[in-house]
Structures are given as structure tokens and as C-alpha cells.
């Protein structure tokens, strides 16, 4: 089950559509709000440093040993 604060993950081919500043209606975007395919996601353990917002640096998402 997705986390209640799970962000929307968009395929790169939808970026321009999602970010279109001329889009004024939400309805056409609703189809993009669906679970991202787990076939293309990669999961790996990371450091617990990600739990602290002040640790905002690329090293936070490096794979943990």
C-alpha cells in the first residue's frame, strides 16, 4: 500500500505536460496520478541521514553499506 504522502512519480515523457504553465484545468492531468510501475523503480537501503531535513545533500541517497 502506498504511503499516504507518496509523491507522484511521472515518466519523463509527461514532464512537459505536467509542468505546462498554460494548463489551467486539473482534469486532463488526473490520468497521470496513478501508481508508478515497480518494474522501472529501483530500491536500495540508504543511510538514516535521510530522516533529517537539514541533511540536504546528494550523499544522503548513496547506497548504504
C-alpha atoms as a PDB file:
ATOM      1  CA  UNK A   1       0.000   0.000   0.000  1.00  0.00           C
ATOM      2  CA  UNK A   2       1.421   3.426  -0.901  1.00  0.00           C
ATOM      3  CA  UNK A   3       2.353   5.776   1.876  1.00  0.00           C
ATOM      4  CA  UNK A   4      -0.314   8.454   2.467  1.00  0.00           C
ATOM      5  CA  UNK A   5       2.249  11.108   1.485  1.00  0.00           C
ATOM      6  CA  UNK A   6       3.672   9.266  -1.501  1.00  0.00           C
ATOM      7  CA  UNK A   7       4.713  11.739  -4.197  1.00  0.00           C
ATOM      8  CA  UNK A   8       3.569  11.414  -7.763  1.00  0.00           C
ATOM      9  CA  UNK A   9       6.326   9.933  -9.908  1.00  0.00           C
ATOM     10  CA  UNK A  10       5.990  10.830 -13.566  1.00  0.00           C
ATOM     11  CA  UNK A  11       7.669   9.228 -16.553  1.00  0.00           C
ATOM     12  CA  UNK A  12       9.949  11.771 -18.245  1.00  0.00           C
ATOM     13  CA  UNK A  13       7.696  11.867 -21.326  1.00  0.00           C
ATOM     14  CA  UNK A  14       4.991  13.510 -19.169  1.00  0.00           C
ATOM     15  CA  UNK A  15       7.143  16.286 -17.653  1.00  0.00           C
ATOM     16  CA  UNK A  16       6.231  18.955 -20.209  1.00  0.00           C
ATOM     17  CA  UNK A  17       2.519  18.185 -19.959  1.00  0.00           C
ATOM     18  CA  UNK A  18       2.580  18.255 -16.129  1.00  0.00           C
ATOM     19  CA  UNK A  19       4.603  21.486 -15.994  1.00  0.00           C
ATOM     20  CA  UNK A  20       2.773  23.312 -18.801  1.00  0.00           C
ATOM     21  CA  UNK A  21       2.151  26.837 -17.424  1.00  0.00           C
ATOM     22  CA  UNK A  22      -0.819  27.237 -19.786  1.00  0.00           C
ATOM     23  CA  UNK A  23      -2.639  24.241 -18.278  1.00  0.00           C
ATOM     24  CA  UNK A  24      -5.465  25.752 -16.211  1.00  0.00           C
ATOM     25  CA  UNK A  25      -7.628  22.676 -15.670  1.00  0.00           C
ATOM     26  CA  UNK A  26      -6.752  19.757 -13.412  1.00  0.00           C
ATOM     27  CA  UNK A  27      -8.971  17.235 -15.204  1.00  0.00           C
ATOM     28  CA  UNK A  28      -6.540  16.429 -18.071  1.00  0.00           C
ATOM     29  CA  UNK A  29      -3.783  15.785 -15.520  1.00  0.00           C
ATOM     30  CA  UNK A  30      -5.720  13.312 -13.395  1.00  0.00           C
ATOM     31  CA  UNK A  31      -4.769  10.371 -15.612  1.00  0.00           C
ATOM     32  CA  UNK A  32      -1.143  10.938 -14.604  1.00  0.00           C
ATOM     33  CA  UNK A  33      -1.983  10.383 -10.921  1.00  0.00           C
ATOM     34  CA  UNK A  34      -1.550   6.645 -10.835  1.00  0.00           C
ATOM     35  CA  UNK A  35       0.959   4.317  -9.194  1.00  0.00           C
ATOM     36  CA  UNK A  36       4.346   4.280 -10.863  1.00  0.00           C
ATOM     37  CA  UNK A  37       5.317   0.900 -12.253  1.00  0.00           C
ATOM     38  CA  UNK A  38       7.529  -1.002  -9.854  1.00  0.00           C
ATOM     39  CA  UNK A  39       9.192  -2.611 -12.898  1.00  0.00           C
ATOM     40  CA  UNK A  40      11.157   0.586 -13.506  1.00  0.00           C
ATOM     41  CA  UNK A  41      11.852   1.615  -9.907  1.00  0.00           C
ATOM     42  CA  UNK A  42      14.987   0.676  -8.060  1.00  0.00           C
ATOM     43  CA  UNK A  43      15.039   0.273  -4.293  1.00  0.00           C
ATOM     44  CA  UNK A  44      18.142   0.119  -2.126  1.00  0.00           C
ATOM     45  CA  UNK A  45      18.949   0.895   1.509  1.00  0.00           C
ATOM     46  CA  UNK A  46      20.270   4.356   2.313  1.00  0.00           C
ATOM     47  CA  UNK A  47      21.705   5.976   5.419  1.00  0.00           C
ATOM     48  CA  UNK A  48      19.369   7.078   8.207  1.00  0.00           C
ATOM     49  CA  UNK A  49      20.656  10.592   7.459  1.00  0.00           C
ATOM     50  CA  UNK A  50      17.715  10.947   5.056  1.00  0.00           C
ATOM     51  CA  UNK A  51      15.439  11.243   8.105  1.00  0.00           C
ATOM     52  CA  UNK A  52      16.747  14.703   8.982  1.00  0.00           C
ATOM     53  CA  UNK A  53      15.658  17.501   6.592  1.00  0.00           C
ATOM     54  CA  UNK A  54      18.791  19.559   7.279  1.00  0.00           C
ATOM     55  CA  UNK A  55      20.835  16.772   5.647  1.00  0.00           C
ATOM     56  CA  UNK A  56      20.043  18.036   2.166  1.00  0.00           C
ATOM     57  CA  UNK A  57      22.934  16.728   0.102  1.00  0.00           C
ATOM     58  CA  UNK A  58      23.454  14.123  -2.641  1.00  0.00           C
ATOM     59  CA  UNK A  59      25.277  11.771  -0.274  1.00  0.00           C
ATOM     60  CA  UNK A  60      22.002  11.057   1.516  1.00  0.00           C
ATOM     61  CA  UNK A  61      20.808   8.866  -1.345  1.00  0.00           C
ATOM     62  CA  UNK A  62      24.035   6.932  -1.820  1.00  0.00           C
ATOM     63  CA  UNK A  63      23.538   3.208  -1.233  1.00  0.00           C
ATOM     64  CA  UNK A  64      24.267   2.211   2.376  1.00  0.00           C
ATOM     65  CA  UNK A  65      26.964  -0.379   3.044  1.00  0.00           C
END
